[in-house]
Amino acid sequence: MENLPLHVGIIMDGNGRWAVRRGLPRIEGHRKGAETTEKIVIAASNLGIKYLSLYAFSTENWKRPKEEVNFLFSLMYEYVRSKLDLFLENNVKFRTMGRVWELPDYLQEGFAWMEEQTAHCTGMTAIFAVNYGGRQEIIDAVNSILREGLDSIDQETFRHYLYIPELPDLDLLIRTSGELRISNFLLWQSAYTELWFTETLWPDFTEEEFRRALEDFSKRERRFGGIK
């Protein structure tokens, strides 16, 4: 496949609706969605994507029922503790992005362990955005700049204060479940991102549909405000 995006982001939406439509508890949708996440991480790595950012838990998701939030955290912990071999076999580096320091201690420790164990991997980097909000990332960056007493900055200087400064701009953003919004995800990095929406709920999202999104991206002409 030609003209692959360097950095792909996915808003993994629709787990709850997937479960409700089948008469199942919402947590079963999240469990099924975790299986899809595993498949897409490996597919993206095999296809040659260098950065894959996955919106796992937003700063707004704290508004959900406490039981669901706690289940999501335990599911994330189970994921990182059980998928190390999968990441190592595929040479995938694990990273997190967001206000991770506000999460339960056990989850912070699990994330730190996974990042340490995969730090040497040189293939794709899989970034899990947890307790993440695009506006909050910008505010946190501004506060860091103010603490350092800088009088003026440019865009590259500002980027240095983002959660992952070396993360390149987002080339392609995929959202599942039919919603047509970006929901506070990677606001700074998505200034010129290409958008791709699908009605498919995240648990039903397949490698074939992922490939269709990449193929659609490869046919687009990106001018970044200029003329070709």
Protein backbone atom coordinates (compact mmCIF):
# COMPACT_ATOMS: atom_id res chain seq x y z
CA MET A 1 0.00 0.00 0.00
CA GLU A 2 1.47 3.35 -1.07
CA ASN A 3 1.39 6.68 0.76
CA LEU A 4 0.71 5.29 4.22
CA PRO A 5 0.06 7.77 7.02
CA LEU A 6 2.90 8.10 9.51
CA HIS A 7 0.56 8.65 12.46
CA VAL A 8 -2.94 7.20 12.74
CA GLY A 9 -5.36 8.00 15.57
CA ILE A 10 -8.51 6.04 16.39
CA ILE A 11 -11.46 7.09 18.53
CA MET A 12 -12.64 3.63 19.57
CA ASP A 13 -16.34 4.37 20.00
CA GLY A 14 -19.38 2.16 20.34
CA ASN A 15 -18.51 -0.52 22.90
CA GLY A 16 -21.51 0.21 25.10
CA ARG A 17 -23.96 0.35 22.22
CA TRP A 18 -22.59 -2.91 20.85
CA ALA A 19 -23.42 -4.61 24.15
CA VAL A 20 -26.83 -2.98 24.62
CA ARG A 21 -27.97 -4.07 21.15
CA ARG A 22 -27.20 -7.64 22.15
CA GLY A 23 -28.87 -7.43 25.55
CA LEU A 24 -25.51 -7.62 27.32
CA PRO A 25 -24.02 -5.48 30.10
CA ARG A 26 -21.98 -2.54 28.80
CA ILE A 27 -18.81 -4.05 30.26
CA GLU A 28 -19.07 -6.91 27.78
CA GLY A 29 -18.82 -4.38 25.00
CA HIS A 30 -15.60 -3.03 26.51
CA ARG A 31 -14.24 -6.56 26.81
CA LYS A 32 -15.02 -7.26 23.15
CA GLY A 33 -13.55 -3.88 22.22
CA ALA A 34 -10.27 -4.83 23.89
CA GLU A 35 -10.06 -7.83 21.55
CA THR A 36 -10.50 -5.50 18.57
CA THR A 37 -7.78 -3.22 19.93
CA GLU A 38 -5.34 -6.12 20.00
CA LYS A 39 -6.14 -7.05 16.38
CA ILE A 40 -5.81 -3.49 15.08
CA VAL A 41 -2.52 -2.87 16.90
CA ILE A 42 -1.02 -5.92 15.22
CA ALA A 43 -2.55 -5.06 11.84
CA ALA A 44 -1.18 -1.52 11.98
CA SER A 45 2.26 -2.82 12.91
CA ASN A 46 2.24 -5.35 10.06
CA LEU A 47 1.17 -2.67 7.58
CA GLY A 48 4.06 -0.40 8.52
CA ILE A 49 2.29 2.32 10.50
CA LYS A 50 4.85 4.03 12.73
CA TYR A 51 2.54 5.66 15.30
CA LEU A 52 -0.92 4.51 16.36
CA SER A 53 -2.76 6.61 18.96
CA LEU A 54 -5.81 5.01 20.57
CA TYR A 55 -8.34 7.01 22.60
CA ALA A 56 -8.91 4.66 25.53
CA PHE A 57 -10.28 6.93 28.29
CA SER A 58 -10.99 10.65 28.08
CA THR A 59 -10.97 13.25 30.85
CA GLU A 60 -14.75 13.36 30.37
CA ASN A 61 -15.22 9.62 30.86
CA TRP A 62 -15.05 10.07 34.63
CA LYS A 63 -18.72 11.08 34.34
CA ARG A 64 -19.68 7.48 33.62
CA PRO A 65 -20.96 5.17 36.40
CA LYS A 66 -18.24 4.33 38.91
CA GLU A 67 -18.63 0.60 38.31
CA GLU A 68 -18.00 1.04 34.58
CA VAL A 69 -14.98 3.27 35.18
CA ASN A 70 -13.48 0.76 37.61
CA PHE A 71 -14.06 -2.06 35.13
CA LEU A 72 -12.34 -0.08 32.37
CA PHE A 73 -9.30 0.45 34.59
CA SER A 74 -9.13 -3.23 35.53
CA LEU A 75 -9.50 -4.17 31.86
CA MET A 76 -6.62 -1.87 30.91
CA TYR A 77 -4.46 -3.40 33.65
CA GLU A 78 -5.32 -6.90 32.48
CA TYR A 79 -4.44 -5.87 28.93
CA VAL A 80 -0.95 -4.56 29.71
CA ARG A 81 -0.11 -7.45 32.03
CA SER A 82 -1.15 -10.09 29.49
CA LYS A 83 -0.04 -8.63 26.14
CA LEU A 84 3.69 -8.11 26.71
CA ASP A 85 4.70 -11.11 24.58
CA LEU A 86 2.44 -9.90 21.78
CA PHE A 87 4.06 -6.47 21.78
CA LEU A 88 7.59 -7.89 21.93
CA GLU A 89 6.95 -10.41 19.15
CA ASN A 90 5.77 -7.57 16.91
CA ASN A 91 8.48 -5.11 18.01
CA VAL A 92 5.80 -2.63 19.21
CA LYS A 93 6.65 0.04 21.76
CA PHE A 94 3.95 0.83 24.34
CA ARG A 95 3.36 4.42 25.47
CA THR A 96 0.66 6.24 27.40
CA MET A 97 -0.47 9.84 27.02
CA GLY A 98 -2.60 11.92 29.34
CA ARG A 99 -2.88 12.77 33.03
CA VAL A 100 -1.79 9.26 33.96
CA TRP A 101 -0.68 10.45 37.42
CA GLU A 102 -4.36 10.87 38.36
CA LEU A 103 -5.15 7.18 37.72
CA PRO A 104 -5.19 4.44 40.39
CA ASP A 105 -1.72 3.46 41.57
CA TYR A 106 -1.98 -0.12 40.33
CA LEU A 107 -2.80 1.09 36.81
CA GLN A 108 0.05 3.60 36.81
CA GLU A 109 2.42 0.82 37.85
CA GLY A 110 1.09 -1.47 35.12
CA PHE A 111 1.57 1.18 32.46
CA ALA A 112 5.08 2.02 33.69
CA TRP A 113 6.01 -1.67 33.65
CA MET A 114 4.75 -2.13 30.08
CA GLU A 115 6.56 1.00 28.88
CA GLU A 116 9.79 -0.18 30.48
CA GLN A 117 9.53 -3.69 29.04
CA THR A 118 8.95 -2.42 25.48
CA ALA A 119 11.21 0.64 25.55
CA HIS A 120 13.78 -1.07 23.32
CA CYS A 121 11.28 -1.91 20.56
CA THR A 122 11.96 -0.11 17.29
CA GLY A 123 8.85 -0.89 15.24
CA MET A 124 5.51 0.82 15.68
CA THR A 125 4.74 2.91 18.74
CA ALA A 126 1.25 2.28 20.15
CA ILE A 127 0.08 5.21 22.28
CA PHE A 128 -2.86 4.67 24.60
CA ALA A 129 -4.51 7.98 25.53
CA VAL A 130 -5.81 7.46 29.07
CA ASN A 131 -7.33 10.26 31.16
CA TYR A 132 -6.58 12.37 28.12
CA GLY A 133 -8.18 15.55 26.82
CA GLY A 134 -6.82 17.72 24.02
CA ARG A 135 -7.73 20.97 25.73
CA GLN A 136 -6.20 19.77 29.01
CA GLU A 137 -2.98 18.86 27.20
CA ILE A 138 -2.75 22.40 25.84
CA ILE A 139 -3.52 23.92 29.26
CA ASP A 140 -0.91 21.70 30.92
CA ALA A 141 1.63 22.79 28.31
CA VAL A 142 0.84 26.48 28.86
CA ASN A 143 1.17 26.08 32.63
CA SER A 144 4.58 24.42 32.19
CA ILE A 145 5.67 27.33 29.98
CA LEU A 146 4.46 29.87 32.54
CA ARG A 147 6.35 28.09 35.32
CA GLU A 148 9.54 28.42 33.29
CA GLY A 149 8.93 32.13 32.81
CA LEU A 150 9.22 32.21 29.04
CA ASP A 151 8.21 35.53 27.45
CA SER A 152 7.42 34.22 23.98
CA ILE A 153 7.41 30.91 22.12
CA ASP A 154 6.97 29.52 18.63
CA GLN A 155 5.12 26.38 17.58
CA GLU A 156 8.13 24.10 17.91
CA THR A 157 8.85 25.38 21.39
CA PHE A 158 5.23 24.80 22.36
CA ARG A 159 5.36 21.23 21.05
CA HIS A 160 8.19 20.54 23.48
CA TYR A 161 5.71 20.90 26.36
CA LEU A 162 3.09 18.46 25.06
CA TYR A 163 2.70 15.06 26.72
CA ILE A 164 4.79 13.32 24.04
CA PRO A 165 6.82 16.07 22.31
CA GLU A 166 8.27 13.75 19.68
CA LEU A 167 4.85 12.52 18.54
CA PRO A 168 4.35 13.72 14.95
CA ASP A 169 1.20 15.46 13.79
CA LEU A 170 -1.79 13.23 13.19
CA ASP A 171 -2.18 12.25 9.52
CA LEU A 172 -5.39 10.21 9.71
CA LEU A 173 -8.09 10.15 12.39
CA ILE A 174 -10.59 7.26 12.34
CA ARG A 175 -13.78 7.31 14.38
CA THR A 176 -16.11 4.36 14.68
CA SER A 177 -19.83 4.15 15.62
CA GLY A 178 -21.16 6.82 13.25
CA GLU A 179 -20.43 9.85 15.43
CA LEU A 180 -19.05 12.79 13.41
CA ARG A 181 -16.86 14.64 15.89
CA ILE A 182 -13.31 14.45 17.26
CA SER A 183 -14.27 14.65 20.95
CA ASN A 184 -11.32 16.60 22.30
CA PHE A 185 -8.73 14.18 20.91
CA LEU A 186 -5.26 15.40 19.88
CA LEU A 187 -6.44 18.94 19.17
CA TRP A 188 -2.96 20.41 18.66
CA GLN A 189 -1.70 17.47 16.61
CA SER A 190 -4.78 17.25 14.34
CA ALA A 191 -4.64 20.72 12.74
CA TYR A 192 -4.35 19.16 9.26
CA THR A 193 -5.44 15.60 9.87
CA GLU A 194 -7.59 13.71 7.39
CA LEU A 195 -10.85 12.43 8.90
CA TRP A 196 -12.47 9.05 8.23
CA PHE A 197 -15.77 8.01 9.81
CA THR A 198 -17.57 4.68 9.84
CA GLU A 199 -20.91 3.46 11.17
CA THR A 200 -19.24 0.29 12.45
CA LEU A 201 -19.14 -0.05 16.23
CA TRP A 202 -15.64 -0.56 17.59
CA PRO A 203 -16.07 -4.23 18.62
CA ASP A 204 -17.04 -5.02 14.99
CA PHE A 205 -14.22 -3.01 13.41
CA THR A 206 -11.98 -5.27 11.34
CA GLU A 207 -8.57 -5.23 9.72
CA GLU A 208 -10.31 -5.08 6.34
CA GLU A 209 -12.12 -1.87 7.30
CA PHE A 210 -8.89 -0.48 8.71
CA ARG A 211 -7.26 -1.15 5.36
CA ARG A 212 -10.11 0.65 3.58
CA ALA A 213 -9.48 3.73 5.69
CA LEU A 214 -5.78 3.65 4.81
CA GLU A 215 -6.53 3.16 1.12
CA ASP A 216 -8.92 6.12 1.18
CA PHE A 217 -6.24 8.23 2.84
CA SER A 218 -3.67 7.21 0.23
CA LYS A 219 -5.86 8.69 -2.54
CA ARG A 220 -6.33 12.08 -0.91
CA GLU A 221 -4.36 15.14 -1.93
CA ARG A 222 -3.00 16.98 1.09
CA ARG A 223 -2.09 20.62 0.39
CA PHE A 224 -1.68 22.02 3.94
CA GLY A 225 -3.07 25.36 2.84
CA GLY A 226 -0.99 25.54 -0.31
CA ILE A 227 -1.68 24.83 -4.00
CA LYS A 228 -0.45 21.95 -6.09
